[in-house]
Amino acid sequence: MTTTTATILATIPSASNPEVVYTIRRGHDGNVYCSCPAWRFQKLAPALRTCKHLRSLAASMKQHAAK
């Protein structure tokens, strides 16, 4: 049996509860997932979903790439 895990891209603490940490990961299907409720409860397909954590990560990566 082969076991593979998703790639964790970032962990982001909740702004409203410092004890909660959300995980952003790239799944085996190539989609990016966030563990936050805003992402999980969207009715869209995973490839079309977004949340403030994904937008923040994307902005951070864009800023880092520009340096």
C-alpha atoms as a PDB file:
ATOM      1  CA  MET A   1       0.000   0.000   0.000  1.00  0.00           C
ATOM      2  CA  THR A   2       1.351   3.420  -0.991  1.00  0.00           C
ATOM      3  CA  THR A   3       0.620   6.333   1.295  1.00  0.00           C
ATOM      4  CA  THR A   4       1.078   9.872   0.052  1.00  0.00           C
ATOM      5  CA  THR A   5       0.230  13.102   1.785  1.00  0.00           C
ATOM      6  CA  ALA A   6      -0.836  16.471   0.532  1.00  0.00           C
ATOM      7  CA  THR A   7       1.783  19.192   0.490  1.00  0.00           C
ATOM      8  CA  ILE A   8       1.301  21.785   3.223  1.00  0.00           C
ATOM      9  CA  LEU A   9       1.909  25.225   1.733  1.00  0.00           C
ATOM     10  CA  ALA A  10       1.233  27.353   4.822  1.00  0.00           C
ATOM     11  CA  THR A  11      -0.326  27.471   8.256  1.00  0.00           C
ATOM     12  CA  ILE A  12      -2.148  30.665   9.153  1.00  0.00           C
ATOM     13  CA  PRO A  13      -3.443  31.555  12.619  1.00  0.00           C
ATOM     14  CA  SER A  14      -7.060  32.669  12.915  1.00  0.00           C
ATOM     15  CA  ALA A  15      -7.475  36.411  13.374  1.00  0.00           C
ATOM     16  CA  SER A  16     -10.418  35.908  15.715  1.00  0.00           C
ATOM     17  CA  ASN A  17      -9.078  32.995  17.763  1.00  0.00           C
ATOM     18  CA  PRO A  18      -5.298  32.657  18.225  1.00  0.00           C
ATOM     19  CA  GLU A  19      -5.710  29.037  19.310  1.00  0.00           C
ATOM     20  CA  VAL A  20      -7.003  28.061  15.849  1.00  0.00           C
ATOM     21  CA  VAL A  21      -4.619  27.526  12.951  1.00  0.00           C
ATOM     22  CA  TYR A  22      -5.774  26.964   9.371  1.00  0.00           C
ATOM     23  CA  THR A  23      -3.776  24.820   6.984  1.00  0.00           C
ATOM     24  CA  ILE A  24      -3.387  25.561   3.285  1.00  0.00           C
ATOM     25  CA  ARG A  25      -2.309  22.561   1.272  1.00  0.00           C
ATOM     26  CA  ARG A  26      -2.008  21.369  -2.304  1.00  0.00           C
ATOM     27  CA  GLY A  27      -3.970  18.185  -2.840  1.00  0.00           C
ATOM     28  CA  HIS A  28      -3.032  15.241  -5.006  1.00  0.00           C
ATOM     29  CA  ASP A  29      -5.425  16.596  -7.629  1.00  0.00           C
ATOM     30  CA  GLY A  30      -3.445  19.856  -7.867  1.00  0.00           C
ATOM     31  CA  ASN A  31      -6.130  21.957  -6.157  1.00  0.00           C
ATOM     32  CA  VAL A  32      -5.276  24.201  -3.222  1.00  0.00           C
ATOM     33  CA  TYR A  33      -7.339  23.613  -0.075  1.00  0.00           C
ATOM     34  CA  CYS A  34      -7.830  25.628   3.109  1.00  0.00           C
ATOM     35  CA  SER A  35      -9.139  24.123   6.327  1.00  0.00           C
ATOM     36  CA  CYS A  36     -11.139  27.251   7.271  1.00  0.00           C
ATOM     37  CA  PRO A  37     -14.953  27.140   7.386  1.00  0.00           C
ATOM     38  CA  ALA A  38     -15.275  29.861   4.733  1.00  0.00           C
ATOM     39  CA  TRP A  39     -13.468  27.638   2.226  1.00  0.00           C
ATOM     40  CA  ARG A  40     -14.971  24.314   3.309  1.00  0.00           C
ATOM     41  CA  PHE A  41     -18.618  25.391   3.167  1.00  0.00           C
ATOM     42  CA  GLN A  42     -18.556  26.972  -0.278  1.00  0.00           C
ATOM     43  CA  LYS A  43     -20.730  25.186  -2.829  1.00  0.00           C
ATOM     44  CA  LEU A  44     -18.223  25.696  -5.652  1.00  0.00           C
ATOM     45  CA  ALA A  45     -15.857  23.036  -6.943  1.00  0.00           C
ATOM     46  CA  PRO A  46     -12.522  23.055  -5.032  1.00  0.00           C
ATOM     47  CA  ALA A  47     -10.672  24.586  -7.985  1.00  0.00           C
ATOM     48  CA  LEU A  48     -13.004  27.613  -7.892  1.00  0.00           C
ATOM     49  CA  ARG A  49     -13.092  28.241  -4.132  1.00  0.00           C
ATOM     50  CA  THR A  50     -11.161  30.957  -2.339  1.00  0.00           C
ATOM     51  CA  CYS A  51     -10.921  32.513   1.103  1.00  0.00           C
ATOM     52  CA  LYS A  52      -9.008  35.314   2.786  1.00  0.00           C
ATOM     53  CA  HIS A  53      -6.230  32.897   3.749  1.00  0.00           C
ATOM     54  CA  LEU A  54      -5.644  31.815   0.135  1.00  0.00           C
ATOM     55  CA  ARG A  55      -5.744  35.437  -1.053  1.00  0.00           C
ATOM     56  CA  SER A  56      -3.259  36.413   1.655  1.00  0.00           C
ATOM     57  CA  LEU A  57      -0.903  33.577   0.710  1.00  0.00           C
ATOM     58  CA  ALA A  58      -1.140  34.474  -2.986  1.00  0.00           C
ATOM     59  CA  ALA A  59      -0.355  38.136  -2.256  1.00  0.00           C
ATOM     60  CA  SER A  60       2.580  37.155  -0.057  1.00  0.00           C
ATOM     61  CA  MET A  61       3.990  34.823  -2.714  1.00  0.00           C
ATOM     62  CA  LYS A  62       3.556  37.510  -5.394  1.00  0.00           C
ATOM     63  CA  GLN A  63       5.347  40.053  -3.225  1.00  0.00           C
ATOM     64  CA  HIS A  64       8.146  37.603  -2.451  1.00  0.00           C
ATOM     65  CA  ALA A  65       8.583  36.753  -6.142  1.00  0.00           C
ATOM     66  CA  ALA A  66       8.893  40.443  -7.025  1.00  0.00           C
ATOM     67  CA  LYS A  67      11.944  40.858  -4.778  1.00  0.00           C
END
